[in-house]
Amino acid sequence: MECVRYGANTYCQRHISSLFLLPVDWILHRTNHRGFLGATLGTETITNLDYDDDVALLVEMLEVLLLAMDILKDEARPLGLEVN
């Protein structure tokens, strides 16, 4: 299994190319900073879960999720990616 290190994250992959992981990580990073994402679990705040081409944004209020989805779509569009 090949592992790719990007910033503070390490991605180990079997089927997905790092050429896809890096833009997705960039999109999520920008989405996290433009929105107020995060669900608190103890002392940790988790903003998203992602695996291959699936992403789950974690928030504590519906209004924040709707804003985050709009931001995610705006950030993904210039890279030719769509959110569904």
N, C-alpha and C. Protein backbone atom coordinates (compact mmCIF):
# COMPACT_ATOMS: atom_id res chain seq x y z
N MET A 1 0.84 -1.16 0.00
CA MET A 1 0.00 0.00 0.00
C MET A 1 0.89 1.24 0.00
N GLU A 2 0.57 2.18 -0.84
CA GLU A 2 1.34 3.42 -0.95
C GLU A 2 0.72 4.48 -0.05
N CYS A 3 1.55 5.24 0.67
CA CYS A 3 1.07 6.31 1.53
C CYS A 3 1.61 7.64 1.02
N VAL A 4 0.77 8.66 1.08
CA VAL A 4 1.13 10.00 0.64
C VAL A 4 0.94 10.93 1.83
N ARG A 5 1.94 11.77 2.12
CA ARG A 5 1.84 12.73 3.20
C ARG A 5 1.57 14.10 2.59
N TYR A 6 0.54 14.77 3.10
CA TYR A 6 0.17 16.11 2.63
C TYR A 6 -0.15 16.95 3.86
N GLY A 7 0.69 17.90 4.16
CA GLY A 7 0.49 18.72 5.36
C GLY A 7 0.56 17.84 6.59
N ALA A 8 -0.43 17.97 7.45
CA ALA A 8 -0.47 17.18 8.68
C ALA A 8 -1.15 15.84 8.45
N ASN A 9 -1.65 15.59 7.25
CA ASN A 9 -2.41 14.37 6.97
C ASN A 9 -1.56 13.36 6.22
N THR A 10 -1.80 12.08 6.49
CA THR A 10 -1.19 11.00 5.75
C THR A 10 -2.30 10.17 5.14
N TYR A 11 -2.21 9.94 3.85
CA TYR A 11 -3.21 9.15 3.15
C TYR A 11 -2.57 7.86 2.66
N CYS A 12 -3.15 6.74 3.05
CA CYS A 12 -2.71 5.45 2.53
C CYS A 12 -3.78 4.99 1.56
N GLN A 13 -3.36 4.57 0.41
CA GLN A 13 -4.33 4.30 -0.64
C GLN A 13 -4.09 2.96 -1.31
N ARG A 14 -5.17 2.41 -1.76
CA ARG A 14 -5.11 1.18 -2.54
C ARG A 14 -5.64 1.42 -3.94
N HIS A 15 -6.76 2.14 -4.02
CA HIS A 15 -7.45 2.28 -5.30
C HIS A 15 -7.52 3.70 -5.83
N ILE A 16 -7.26 4.65 -4.99
CA ILE A 16 -7.49 6.03 -5.41
C ILE A 16 -6.17 6.76 -5.59
N SER A 17 -6.10 7.56 -6.58
CA SER A 17 -4.86 8.27 -6.91
C SER A 17 -4.69 9.49 -6.02
N SER A 18 -3.44 9.79 -5.67
CA SER A 18 -3.17 10.99 -4.89
C SER A 18 -3.52 12.24 -5.67
N LEU A 19 -3.60 12.12 -6.99
CA LEU A 19 -4.02 13.26 -7.81
C LEU A 19 -5.45 13.66 -7.50
N PHE A 20 -6.24 12.74 -6.95
CA PHE A 20 -7.60 13.07 -6.53
C PHE A 20 -7.62 13.50 -5.07
N LEU A 21 -6.83 12.86 -4.22
CA LEU A 21 -6.85 13.15 -2.79
C LEU A 21 -6.40 14.57 -2.47
N LEU A 22 -5.37 15.04 -3.13
CA LEU A 22 -4.85 16.37 -2.82
C LEU A 22 -5.86 17.48 -3.11
N PRO A 23 -6.54 17.48 -4.26
CA PRO A 23 -7.55 18.53 -4.47
C PRO A 23 -8.72 18.42 -3.49
N VAL A 24 -9.13 17.21 -3.15
CA VAL A 24 -10.23 17.05 -2.20
C VAL A 24 -9.82 17.58 -0.84
N ASP A 25 -8.60 17.30 -0.40
CA ASP A 25 -8.11 17.82 0.87
C ASP A 25 -8.07 19.35 0.83
N TRP A 26 -7.64 19.93 -0.27
CA TRP A 26 -7.60 21.38 -0.43
C TRP A 26 -9.00 21.97 -0.34
N ILE A 27 -9.96 21.35 -1.02
CA ILE A 27 -11.36 21.81 -0.99
C ILE A 27 -11.90 21.76 0.44
N LEU A 28 -11.66 20.66 1.13
CA LEU A 28 -12.16 20.52 2.50
C LEU A 28 -11.50 21.52 3.44
N HIS A 29 -10.21 21.76 3.25
CA HIS A 29 -9.50 22.73 4.07
C HIS A 29 -10.12 24.12 3.89
N ARG A 30 -10.35 24.52 2.65
CA ARG A 30 -10.95 25.83 2.38
C ARG A 30 -12.39 25.91 2.88
N THR A 31 -13.13 24.81 2.75
CA THR A 31 -14.50 24.78 3.25
C THR A 31 -14.52 24.92 4.77
N ASN A 32 -13.62 24.23 5.44
CA ASN A 32 -13.56 24.31 6.90
C ASN A 32 -13.27 25.73 7.37
N HIS A 33 -12.40 26.45 6.65
CA HIS A 33 -12.03 27.79 7.07
C HIS A 33 -13.06 28.84 6.70
N ARG A 34 -13.86 28.58 5.69
CA ARG A 34 -14.89 29.55 5.30
C ARG A 34 -16.19 29.31 6.06
N GLY A 35 -16.42 28.11 6.54
CA GLY A 35 -17.64 27.79 7.28
C GLY A 35 -17.29 27.54 8.73
N PHE A 36 -18.29 27.24 9.51
CA PHE A 36 -18.08 26.95 10.93
C PHE A 36 -18.41 25.48 11.16
N LEU A 37 -17.59 24.63 10.58
CA LEU A 37 -17.84 23.20 10.64
C LEU A 37 -17.34 22.61 11.94
N GLY A 38 -17.92 21.49 12.30
CA GLY A 38 -17.38 20.75 13.41
C GLY A 38 -18.45 20.24 14.35
N ALA A 39 -18.24 19.03 14.79
CA ALA A 39 -19.05 18.42 15.84
C ALA A 39 -18.07 18.07 16.96
N THR A 40 -18.44 18.41 18.17
CA THR A 40 -17.55 18.20 19.30
C THR A 40 -17.81 16.84 19.93
N LEU A 41 -16.72 16.12 20.15
CA LEU A 41 -16.77 14.82 20.81
C LEU A 41 -15.72 14.87 21.92
N GLY A 42 -16.17 15.11 23.14
CA GLY A 42 -15.23 15.31 24.23
C GLY A 42 -14.49 16.61 24.03
N THR A 43 -13.18 16.53 23.93
CA THR A 43 -12.37 17.74 23.70
C THR A 43 -11.96 17.89 22.24
N GLU A 44 -12.36 16.96 21.39
CA GLU A 44 -12.00 16.99 19.97
C GLU A 44 -13.13 17.57 19.14
N THR A 45 -12.77 18.32 18.11
CA THR A 45 -13.74 18.80 17.13
C THR A 45 -13.43 18.12 15.81
N ILE A 46 -14.42 17.42 15.27
CA ILE A 46 -14.27 16.70 14.00
C ILE A 46 -15.07 17.46 12.96
N THR A 47 -14.41 17.84 11.87
CA THR A 47 -15.08 18.66 10.85
C THR A 47 -15.61 17.85 9.68
N ASN A 48 -14.94 16.76 9.33
CA ASN A 48 -15.41 15.97 8.20
C ASN A 48 -14.82 14.56 8.28
N LEU A 49 -15.49 13.67 7.60
CA LEU A 49 -15.00 12.31 7.40
C LEU A 49 -14.93 12.10 5.91
N ASP A 50 -13.81 11.64 5.41
CA ASP A 50 -13.71 11.39 3.98
C ASP A 50 -12.99 10.08 3.73
N TYR A 51 -13.50 9.38 2.72
CA TYR A 51 -12.94 8.10 2.30
C TYR A 51 -13.13 8.00 0.80
N ASP A 52 -12.05 7.78 0.09
CA ASP A 52 -12.08 7.76 -1.38
C ASP A 52 -12.76 9.03 -1.89
N ASP A 53 -13.88 8.89 -2.58
CA ASP A 53 -14.55 10.07 -3.13
C ASP A 53 -15.80 10.44 -2.35
N ASP A 54 -15.96 9.93 -1.12
CA ASP A 54 -17.10 10.24 -0.27
C ASP A 54 -16.65 11.17 0.86
N VAL A 55 -17.48 12.17 1.13
CA VAL A 55 -17.18 13.12 2.20
C VAL A 55 -18.45 13.34 3.01
N ALA A 56 -18.31 13.34 4.34
CA ALA A 56 -19.40 13.69 5.24
C ALA A 56 -18.95 14.92 6.03
N LEU A 57 -19.70 16.01 5.88
CA LEU A 57 -19.42 17.22 6.66
C LEU A 57 -20.14 17.09 7.99
N LEU A 58 -19.46 17.39 9.08
CA LEU A 58 -20.05 17.27 10.40
C LEU A 58 -20.29 18.66 10.99
N VAL A 59 -21.52 18.92 11.38
CA VAL A 59 -21.89 20.19 11.98
C VAL A 59 -22.92 19.90 13.08
N GLU A 60 -23.19 20.91 13.88
CA GLU A 60 -24.15 20.74 14.97
C GLU A 60 -25.47 21.46 14.72
N MET A 61 -25.55 22.24 13.62
CA MET A 61 -26.80 22.95 13.28
C MET A 61 -27.06 22.85 11.78
N LEU A 62 -28.33 22.67 11.43
CA LEU A 62 -28.71 22.53 10.03
C LEU A 62 -28.31 23.75 9.20
N GLU A 63 -28.46 24.95 9.75
CA GLU A 63 -28.12 26.16 9.02
C GLU A 63 -26.64 26.17 8.62
N VAL A 64 -25.79 25.68 9.51
CA VAL A 64 -24.36 25.62 9.23
C VAL A 64 -24.09 24.60 8.13
N LEU A 65 -24.80 23.48 8.14
CA LEU A 65 -24.63 22.47 7.09
C LEU A 65 -25.00 23.03 5.73
N LEU A 66 -26.11 23.75 5.66
CA LEU A 66 -26.53 24.32 4.37
C LEU A 66 -25.50 25.32 3.85
N LEU A 67 -24.96 26.14 4.74
CA LEU A 67 -23.90 27.08 4.34
C LEU A 67 -22.66 26.32 3.90
N ALA A 68 -22.28 25.29 4.64
CA ALA A 68 -21.09 24.51 4.30
C ALA A 68 -21.24 23.81 2.95
N MET A 69 -22.44 23.32 2.65
CA MET A 69 -22.67 22.68 1.35
C MET A 69 -22.49 23.68 0.22
N ASP A 70 -22.99 24.89 0.40
CA ASP A 70 -22.81 25.93 -0.63
C ASP A 70 -21.34 26.26 -0.81
N ILE A 71 -20.61 26.38 0.30
CA ILE A 71 -19.18 26.67 0.23
C ILE A 71 -18.44 25.53 -0.46
N LEU A 72 -18.77 24.29 -0.09
CA LEU A 72 -18.13 23.11 -0.70
C LEU A 72 -18.35 23.10 -2.20
N LYS A 73 -19.57 23.37 -2.63
CA LYS A 73 -19.85 23.42 -4.07
C LYS A 73 -19.05 24.52 -4.76
N ASP A 74 -18.98 25.70 -4.14
CA ASP A 74 -18.22 26.81 -4.71
C ASP A 74 -16.73 26.49 -4.83
N GLU A 75 -16.18 25.80 -3.84
CA GLU A 75 -14.76 25.46 -3.85
C GLU A 75 -14.45 24.33 -4.84
N ALA A 76 -15.38 23.41 -5.03
CA ALA A 76 -15.16 22.26 -5.91
C ALA A 76 -15.32 22.62 -7.39
N ARG A 77 -16.20 23.56 -7.69
CA ARG A 77 -16.53 23.90 -9.08
C ARG A 77 -15.31 24.28 -9.92
N PRO A 78 -14.38 25.14 -9.46
CA PRO A 78 -13.23 25.49 -10.29
C PRO A 78 -12.32 24.31 -10.63
N LEU A 79 -12.40 23.24 -9.85
CA LEU A 79 -11.59 22.06 -10.13
C LEU A 79 -12.33 21.04 -10.98
N GLY A 80 -13.54 21.38 -11.41
CA GLY A 80 -14.32 20.48 -12.25
C GLY A 80 -15.01 19.38 -11.48
N LEU A 81 -15.14 19.53 -10.16
CA LEU A 81 -15.79 18.53 -9.33
C LEU A 81 -17.20 18.99 -8.97
N GLU A 82 -18.13 18.04 -8.83
CA GLU A 82 -19.50 18.35 -8.49
C GLU A 82 -19.88 17.69 -7.18
N VAL A 83 -20.75 18.35 -6.44
CA VAL A 83 -21.27 17.81 -5.19
C VAL A 83 -22.69 17.35 -5.44
N ASN A 84 -22.99 16.14 -5.02
CA ASN A 84 -24.37 15.66 -5.18
C ASN A 84 -24.88 15.09 -3.88
